[in-house]
Amino acid sequence: MRCFSDARDEVARRRAVRIRLAVAAAVVMLIQSVRSADAATVFTGDKIQGMPVITQLDVGDLASGKTHRFMFQGVETGTGQHWYVPVIVARGANPGKRLLLVSGVHGDELNPIRVVQRVFADLDASKLSGAVIGIIGPSRPGVEYVTRGWPTTELGKTLINPNRTWPGEESGNTVERHSWLIMNKLIKGNADIGVDIHTGGNGIDFALFAFANMNDVEARRIASLFPIEQILLEPGFDGTLEYALVRAGIPAITLELGGPRGFDPEMIRVGVAGVENLLASYRISDRPVGATSKDRNVFMGNKLDDLFAVNSGFTEVLVKLNDAVQKGQKVAVQRNAFGDVVQEYLAPSDGRVAIIGTDAIRERGSDVVSILTNSSECAGGCPYAGDEP
């Protein structure tokens, strides 16, 4: 009788254990489902080139001490498919500042892409505090066709400058919606400071240069940490990513690294060095701060004086990037097919050469030379009239 009772008790005990385990498993599953519902990083379940596709990012969801790669699903193409943007996130093992790096807003500006690639190649997320977020080539058709503009089929064919569409519009045209998706689904809530990296457009070359919002002290600090030659303090250019970030409470600059359509090793080196300085200065990494703009005797101005071609012809630029020039100095000459001088261009102010035209043939209205200067008329900020950044 006792043996039967003991056996029955053992069966009851095992049944109770199974029930407790089942309840515990159900609780775990419930917790996981709640966490999953709260998680802001949204995966589509698809993969492209082995990378998971996301429609929204929350850096806080990601495993710490690791580097993560994604394809971000952007706007639809004309046939209803999507453009996909490569995104890299190095989430540090410890909390800290989150740095945003954007390259390829203009598709023919390739030095910036190599800068971001090199920065992440050298990062060890397990040794970082905070995070580094890299967005590579958000202007997908621009990068594919190596062009500054985003081609659309509106009115046959239209090229839209994607760096005049930020922060975007949810129900806007293709480019405006793409900018809105990146701003609202990738950037906001994930970045504390930002750098939008550019080069000059097709046919021009830029000095080592930064646009920094004159009203944002932190943006000025970011610019000063790059070993660059010139900084323009400006009131903000509507439609640019830099200005959209600043207005969203994310101090940011536009960094310019030379010319388009190729890799310039020195420009890339300077870009990487500046990012490493940011990581060190904001204590994202434990590396020391290296050479900064101060070590290059940086020239700071509040106005870009542009000389646009008032004639057409074969153009010889007589100055180099970062040359100091004086008002009235001859900086370029234009000749016709017979070699006769048809136009001379004189510096409109004292300053430094920031931009030069690199195409020998310059048509009316194209850039010849731009000079960074300081103007008493721009104490409150002068809007920039040129095509850059």
Protein backbone atom coordinates (compact mmCIF):
# COMPACT_ATOMS: atom_id res chain seq x y z
CA MET A 1 0.00 0.00 0.00
CA ARG A 2 2.86 2.36 0.85
CA CYS A 3 4.62 1.54 -2.46
CA PHE A 4 1.48 2.40 -4.41
CA SER A 5 1.14 5.67 -2.47
CA ASP A 6 4.80 6.55 -3.09
CA ALA A 7 4.41 5.87 -6.82
CA ARG A 8 1.30 8.00 -6.97
CA ASP A 9 3.08 10.85 -5.17
CA GLU A 10 5.98 10.61 -7.60
CA VAL A 11 3.64 10.84 -10.59
CA ALA A 12 1.95 13.88 -9.05
CA ARG A 13 5.33 15.50 -8.34
CA ARG A 14 6.50 15.01 -11.91
CA ARG A 15 3.22 16.35 -13.24
CA ALA A 16 3.60 19.46 -11.05
CA VAL A 17 7.17 19.96 -12.30
CA ARG A 18 5.98 19.73 -15.92
CA ILE A 19 3.23 22.26 -15.22
CA ARG A 20 5.69 24.67 -13.59
CA LEU A 21 8.10 24.32 -16.53
CA ALA A 22 5.28 24.89 -19.00
CA VAL A 23 4.14 28.00 -17.12
CA ALA A 24 7.71 29.30 -16.96
CA ALA A 25 8.16 28.75 -20.71
CA ALA A 26 4.90 30.55 -21.41
CA VAL A 27 6.01 33.49 -19.27
CA VAL A 28 9.34 33.66 -21.13
CA MET A 29 7.56 33.58 -24.48
CA LEU A 30 5.19 36.31 -23.33
CA ILE A 31 8.08 38.51 -22.18
CA GLN A 32 9.89 37.94 -25.47
CA SER A 33 6.80 38.79 -27.48
CA VAL A 34 6.30 41.99 -25.48
CA ARG A 35 9.93 42.94 -26.02
CA SER A 36 9.58 42.15 -29.70
CA ALA A 37 6.50 44.35 -29.93
CA ASP A 38 8.33 47.21 -28.20
CA ALA A 39 11.52 46.84 -30.26
CA ALA A 40 11.96 49.69 -32.75
CA THR A 41 14.31 47.96 -35.18
CA VAL A 42 12.01 46.49 -37.81
CA PHE A 43 13.18 43.59 -39.98
CA THR A 44 11.36 42.63 -43.16
CA GLY A 45 12.64 39.05 -42.99
CA ASP A 46 14.43 39.46 -46.33
CA LYS A 47 18.16 39.39 -46.95
CA ILE A 48 20.18 41.08 -49.69
CA GLN A 49 23.75 39.88 -50.24
CA GLY A 50 23.39 38.13 -46.91
CA MET A 51 22.49 41.34 -45.07
CA PRO A 52 19.17 41.58 -43.20
CA VAL A 53 16.76 44.18 -44.55
CA ILE A 54 15.33 46.74 -42.12
CA THR A 55 12.74 49.46 -42.46
CA GLN A 56 13.56 51.12 -39.13
CA LEU A 57 16.60 51.23 -36.85
CA ASP A 58 16.93 51.50 -33.09
CA VAL A 59 20.58 51.25 -32.06
CA GLY A 60 19.43 50.37 -28.54
CA ASP A 61 18.01 47.08 -29.85
CA LEU A 62 21.34 45.87 -31.18
CA ALA A 63 23.77 43.63 -29.33
CA SER A 64 26.47 45.72 -27.67
CA GLY A 65 30.15 45.28 -28.39
CA LYS A 66 29.45 44.22 -31.99
CA THR A 67 29.32 45.66 -35.51
CA HIS A 68 26.08 45.13 -37.41
CA ARG A 69 25.38 45.42 -41.14
CA PHE A 70 21.98 46.05 -42.72
CA MET A 71 20.27 47.00 -45.94
CA PHE A 72 17.78 49.79 -45.26
CA GLN A 73 14.65 49.65 -47.42
CA GLY A 74 14.21 53.08 -48.93
CA VAL A 75 11.73 54.55 -51.36
CA GLU A 76 10.09 52.60 -54.15
CA THR A 77 11.48 52.63 -57.68
CA GLY A 78 9.25 53.39 -60.64
CA THR A 79 8.25 49.72 -60.88
CA GLY A 80 7.29 49.46 -57.22
CA GLN A 81 10.45 47.75 -55.99
CA HIS A 82 12.78 49.51 -53.55
CA TRP A 83 16.14 51.21 -53.34
CA TYR A 84 18.28 49.66 -50.58
CA VAL A 85 20.89 51.64 -48.64
CA PRO A 86 23.87 49.93 -46.90
CA VAL A 87 24.06 50.77 -43.19
CA ILE A 88 26.77 49.82 -40.69
CA VAL A 89 26.40 50.22 -36.92
CA ALA A 90 29.22 49.65 -34.45
CA ARG A 91 27.50 49.57 -31.06
CA GLY A 92 29.99 49.91 -28.26
CA ALA A 93 30.22 47.75 -25.17
CA ASN A 94 29.51 50.81 -22.99
CA PRO A 95 27.09 53.76 -23.23
CA GLY A 96 28.26 57.02 -24.79
CA LYS A 97 27.82 59.46 -27.65
CA ARG A 98 26.48 58.20 -30.98
CA LEU A 99 28.23 59.49 -34.10
CA LEU A 100 26.50 59.55 -37.48
CA LEU A 101 28.58 59.42 -40.68
CA VAL A 102 26.81 59.92 -44.01
CA SER A 103 28.51 59.51 -47.40
CA GLY A 104 27.20 59.58 -50.94
CA VAL A 105 24.27 61.99 -50.61
CA HIS A 106 25.58 63.06 -54.01
CA GLY A 107 26.27 59.96 -56.04
CA ASP A 108 29.46 61.17 -57.76
CA GLU A 109 31.19 62.06 -54.47
CA LEU A 110 33.26 58.98 -53.72
CA ASN A 111 36.03 60.05 -51.30
CA PRO A 112 33.39 60.15 -48.52
CA ILE A 113 32.37 56.54 -49.14
CA ARG A 114 35.96 55.36 -48.81
CA VAL A 115 36.33 57.37 -45.59
CA VAL A 116 33.38 55.57 -44.01
CA GLN A 117 34.62 52.18 -45.23
CA ARG A 118 38.06 52.78 -43.70
CA VAL A 119 36.67 54.08 -40.42
CA PHE A 120 34.62 50.92 -39.87
CA ALA A 121 37.46 48.65 -40.99
CA ASP A 122 39.53 50.05 -38.11
CA LEU A 123 36.79 49.96 -35.44
CA ASP A 124 36.57 47.37 -32.68
CA ALA A 125 33.05 47.74 -31.29
CA SER A 126 33.96 45.83 -28.12
CA LYS A 127 36.27 48.72 -27.18
CA LEU A 128 33.86 51.56 -27.96
CA SER A 129 31.55 53.60 -25.75
CA GLY A 130 28.42 54.73 -27.55
CA ALA A 131 28.01 53.94 -31.23
CA VAL A 132 29.09 54.82 -34.75
CA ILE A 133 26.48 54.72 -37.53
CA GLY A 134 27.52 54.75 -41.18
CA ILE A 135 25.08 55.40 -44.04
CA ILE A 136 26.71 54.63 -47.39
CA GLY A 137 25.35 56.05 -50.63
CA PRO A 138 21.79 57.03 -49.69
CA SER A 139 21.36 58.49 -53.20
CA ARG A 140 21.13 55.02 -54.74
CA PRO A 141 20.59 55.88 -58.42
CA GLY A 142 23.10 58.71 -58.10
CA VAL A 143 25.79 56.30 -56.88
CA GLU A 144 24.92 53.67 -59.48
CA TYR A 145 25.25 56.18 -62.32
CA VAL A 146 27.97 58.31 -60.65
CA THR A 147 25.96 61.50 -60.89
CA ARG A 148 25.27 64.39 -58.54
CA GLY A 149 21.53 64.37 -59.16
CA TRP A 150 18.85 61.75 -58.52
CA PRO A 151 17.23 60.95 -61.89
CA THR A 152 13.44 60.74 -61.92
CA THR A 153 10.94 60.20 -64.71
CA GLU A 154 8.99 63.37 -63.98
CA LEU A 155 8.40 65.30 -67.23
CA GLY A 156 10.48 62.78 -69.14
CA LYS A 157 13.68 63.01 -67.11
CA THR A 158 14.52 65.27 -64.21
CA LEU A 159 17.67 65.42 -62.07
CA ILE A 160 16.90 66.39 -58.47
CA ASN A 161 19.63 67.55 -56.08
CA PRO A 162 19.11 65.20 -53.12
CA ASN A 163 20.89 67.62 -50.78
CA ARG A 164 18.08 70.10 -51.18
CA THR A 165 15.33 67.73 -50.02
CA TRP A 166 16.05 67.23 -46.29
CA PRO A 167 14.40 66.53 -43.90
CA GLY A 168 12.11 65.21 -46.61
CA GLU A 169 8.37 64.80 -46.89
CA GLU A 170 6.49 61.60 -46.09
CA SER A 171 4.10 62.10 -49.01
CA GLY A 172 6.52 64.01 -51.25
CA ASN A 173 8.10 62.97 -54.53
CA THR A 174 10.50 60.03 -54.77
CA VAL A 175 13.55 61.87 -53.47
CA GLU A 176 11.68 63.79 -50.76
CA ARG A 177 10.12 60.59 -49.42
CA HIS A 178 13.47 58.78 -49.49
CA SER A 179 15.03 61.60 -47.45
CA TRP A 180 12.08 61.47 -45.03
CA LEU A 181 12.49 57.72 -44.53
CA ILE A 182 16.20 58.02 -43.81
CA MET A 183 15.73 60.97 -41.47
CA ASN A 184 12.82 59.48 -39.53
CA LYS A 185 13.53 55.74 -39.68
CA LEU A 186 17.33 55.66 -39.54
CA ILE A 187 18.68 58.87 -38.01
CA LYS A 188 16.32 60.39 -35.46
CA GLY A 189 16.70 58.85 -32.03
CA ASN A 190 19.98 57.17 -33.00
CA ALA A 191 22.49 60.02 -33.38
CA ASP A 192 23.91 62.69 -31.08
CA ILE A 193 26.38 64.30 -33.51
CA GLY A 194 26.73 64.05 -37.28
CA VAL A 195 29.05 64.53 -40.24
CA ASP A 196 27.70 64.65 -43.79
CA ILE A 197 30.75 64.07 -46.00
CA HIS A 198 30.92 65.51 -49.53
CA THR A 199 33.30 66.57 -52.30
CA GLY A 200 32.99 69.21 -54.96
CA GLY A 201 30.63 68.45 -57.82
CA ASN A 202 31.58 67.44 -61.35
CA GLY A 203 33.99 69.98 -62.86
CA ILE A 204 35.15 71.57 -59.60
CA ASP A 205 37.60 70.85 -56.80
CA PHE A 206 37.23 71.77 -53.13
CA ALA A 207 39.80 72.60 -50.48
CA LEU A 208 39.80 70.72 -47.17
CA PHE A 209 36.72 72.57 -46.02
CA ALA A 210 33.72 72.45 -43.69
CA PHE A 211 30.37 74.20 -43.57
CA ALA A 212 29.47 74.74 -39.89
CA ASN A 213 26.35 76.40 -38.52
CA MET A 214 27.39 79.67 -36.93
CA ASN A 215 24.68 79.41 -34.27
CA ASP A 216 25.62 75.89 -33.13
CA VAL A 217 28.64 75.84 -30.81
CA GLU A 218 28.85 72.05 -30.95
CA ALA A 219 28.89 72.07 -34.75
CA ARG A 220 31.82 74.49 -34.68
CA ARG A 221 33.63 72.15 -32.31
CA ILE A 222 33.03 69.19 -34.64
CA ALA A 223 34.49 71.14 -37.58
CA SER A 224 37.55 72.21 -35.62
CA LEU A 225 38.47 68.59 -34.85
CA PHE A 226 39.12 67.83 -38.54
CA PRO A 227 42.61 68.69 -39.87
CA ILE A 228 41.13 70.94 -42.55
CA GLU A 229 42.20 74.27 -44.05
CA GLN A 230 38.99 76.30 -44.12
CA ILE A 231 35.70 76.60 -42.22
CA LEU A 232 32.69 78.61 -43.38
CA LEU A 233 30.47 79.77 -40.51
CA GLU A 234 27.02 79.96 -42.08
CA PRO A 235 23.40 80.44 -41.00
CA GLY A 236 22.26 77.12 -42.49
CA PHE A 237 21.31 76.09 -46.01
CA ASP A 238 17.71 75.00 -46.25
CA GLY A 239 17.28 71.52 -47.70
CA THR A 240 20.74 70.25 -46.79
CA LEU A 241 21.17 67.25 -44.51
CA GLU A 242 23.48 69.25 -42.26
CA TYR A 243 20.87 71.93 -41.59
CA ALA A 244 18.11 69.36 -41.14
CA LEU A 245 20.23 67.59 -38.52
CA VAL A 246 20.99 70.84 -36.67
CA ARG A 247 17.29 71.76 -36.62
CA ALA A 248 16.53 68.27 -35.27
CA GLY A 249 18.87 68.92 -32.34
CA ILE A 250 21.80 66.92 -33.76
CA PRO A 251 24.92 69.13 -34.09
CA ALA A 252 26.43 68.43 -37.51
CA ILE A 253 28.70 69.75 -40.25
CA THR A 254 29.11 69.34 -44.00
CA LEU A 255 32.67 68.19 -44.68
CA GLU A 256 34.19 68.73 -48.15
CA LEU A 257 37.07 66.52 -49.29
CA GLY A 258 38.35 67.50 -52.74
CA GLY A 259 36.81 66.59 -56.07
CA PRO A 260 34.32 63.99 -57.39
CA ARG A 261 34.33 60.64 -59.20
CA GLY A 262 37.48 59.09 -57.76
CA PHE A 263 39.56 58.29 -54.70
CA ASP A 264 42.12 60.86 -53.50
CA PRO A 265 44.35 59.17 -50.87
CA GLU A 266 45.26 62.40 -49.08
CA MET A 267 41.68 63.63 -48.85
CA ILE A 268 40.57 60.23 -47.58
CA ARG A 269 43.37 60.19 -45.01
CA VAL A 270 42.30 63.60 -43.68
CA GLY A 271 38.68 62.50 -43.46
CA VAL A 272 39.57 59.35 -41.51
CA ALA A 273 41.89 61.31 -39.20
CA GLY A 274 39.11 63.79 -38.43
CA VAL A 275 36.61 61.04 -37.61
CA GLU A 276 39.19 59.41 -35.32
CA ASN A 277 39.57 62.79 -33.58
CA LEU A 278 35.80 62.90 -33.04
CA LEU A 279 35.83 59.40 -31.57
CA ALA A 280 38.64 60.41 -29.22
CA SER A 281 37.30 63.85 -28.25
CA TYR A 282 33.80 62.55 -27.48
CA ARG A 283 35.29 59.54 -25.65
CA ILE A 284 33.72 57.04 -28.00
CA SER A 285 37.19 55.51 -28.33
CA ASP A 286 40.22 55.58 -26.05
CA ARG A 287 42.55 56.88 -28.76
CA PRO A 288 44.29 60.27 -28.39
CA VAL A 289 43.27 63.29 -30.44
CA GLY A 290 45.64 63.84 -33.36
CA ALA A 291 46.26 66.87 -35.59
CA THR A 292 43.25 69.20 -35.91
CA SER A 293 42.33 72.29 -37.93
CA LYS A 294 44.42 74.38 -35.56
CA ASP A 295 47.53 72.51 -36.70
CA ARG A 296 46.72 73.48 -40.32
CA ASN A 297 46.33 77.16 -39.41
CA VAL A 298 42.68 76.99 -40.40
CA PHE A 299 41.10 80.02 -42.06
CA MET A 300 37.60 80.80 -40.82
CA GLY A 301 35.27 82.96 -42.85
CA ASN A 302 31.62 83.96 -43.01
CA LYS A 303 31.08 84.30 -46.77
CA LEU A 304 31.91 82.47 -50.01
CA ASP A 305 32.48 84.92 -52.87
CA ASP A 306 31.74 83.07 -56.10
CA LEU A 307 33.07 83.99 -59.51
CA PHE A 308 30.77 82.51 -62.13
CA ALA A 309 31.70 82.56 -65.80
CA VAL A 310 30.23 85.62 -67.55
CA ASN A 311 31.54 84.38 -70.88
CA SER A 312 32.29 80.99 -72.43
CA GLY A 313 35.70 79.79 -73.45
CA PHE A 314 38.89 77.95 -72.61
CA THR A 315 39.63 78.80 -68.99
CA GLU A 316 42.96 78.91 -67.21
CA VAL A 317 42.78 79.16 -63.41
CA LEU A 318 45.81 81.01 -62.05
CA VAL A 319 45.49 80.08 -58.37
CA LYS A 320 45.54 76.87 -56.35
CA LEU A 321 43.25 75.65 -53.59
CA ASN A 322 43.88 77.37 -50.24
CA ASP A 323 46.01 80.12 -51.81
CA ALA A 324 45.73 83.45 -50.04
CA VAL A 325 44.45 86.09 -52.48
CA GLN A 326 43.91 89.82 -52.36
CA LYS A 327 41.02 91.83 -53.72
CA GLY A 328 41.64 92.69 -57.37
CA GLN A 329 44.13 89.87 -57.94
CA LYS A 330 43.77 88.11 -61.29
CA VAL A 331 42.63 84.53 -60.58
CA ALA A 332 41.51 83.20 -63.99
CA VAL A 333 41.59 84.00 -67.72
CA GLN A 334 39.26 82.88 -70.52
CA ARG A 335 40.24 82.63 -74.19
CA ASN A 336 38.39 81.87 -77.40
CA ALA A 337 39.39 79.20 -79.92
CA PHE A 338 42.04 81.51 -81.43
CA GLY A 339 43.68 82.12 -78.05
CA ASP A 340 42.41 85.67 -77.69
CA VAL A 341 41.54 86.73 -74.12
CA VAL A 342 37.78 87.18 -73.82
CA GLN A 343 37.49 87.53 -70.05
CA GLU A 344 39.67 88.06 -66.99
CA TYR A 345 38.47 87.25 -63.50
CA LEU A 346 39.59 89.25 -60.46
CA ALA A 347 39.26 88.30 -56.80
CA PRO A 348 36.29 90.20 -55.37
CA SER A 349 37.76 90.14 -51.85
CA ASP A 350 40.71 89.17 -49.67
CA GLY A 351 40.60 85.56 -48.55
CA ARG A 352 41.46 81.96 -49.38
CA VAL A 353 40.71 80.00 -52.54
CA ALA A 354 38.05 77.44 -51.53
CA ILE A 355 36.80 76.11 -54.90
CA ILE A 356 38.29 76.04 -58.38
CA GLY A 357 36.80 74.95 -61.68
CA THR A 358 38.73 71.99 -63.08
CA ASP A 359 37.22 71.80 -66.57
CA ALA A 360 39.24 73.87 -69.04
CA ILE A 361 36.06 74.67 -70.97
CA ARG A 362 33.70 76.78 -68.87
CA GLU A 363 30.31 77.90 -70.13
CA ARG A 364 28.45 80.95 -68.95
CA GLY A 365 27.19 80.55 -65.40
CA SER A 366 29.58 77.78 -64.36
CA ASP A 367 31.95 78.01 -61.37
CA VAL A 368 35.38 79.51 -62.01
CA VAL A 369 36.75 80.30 -58.54
CA SER A 370 35.20 80.71 -55.07
CA ILE A 371 36.96 82.58 -52.28
CA LEU A 372 36.29 82.20 -48.56
CA THR A 373 36.35 85.64 -46.98
CA ASN A 374 35.17 87.62 -43.99
CA SER A 375 32.59 90.32 -44.64
CA SER A 376 31.25 92.88 -42.21
CA GLU A 377 27.92 92.51 -43.99
CA CYS A 378 27.72 88.87 -42.88
CA ALA A 379 28.02 89.32 -39.12
CA GLY A 380 24.53 87.89 -38.79
CA GLY A 381 25.13 85.27 -41.46
CA CYS A 382 25.08 85.41 -45.25
CA PRO A 383 23.06 82.85 -47.20
CA TYR A 384 25.20 80.99 -49.73
CA ALA A 385 24.23 81.54 -53.38
CA GLY A 386 26.32 78.77 -54.98
CA ASP A 387 25.45 75.21 -55.94
CA GLU A 388 27.54 73.57 -53.19
CA PRO A 389 27.28 71.78 -50.78
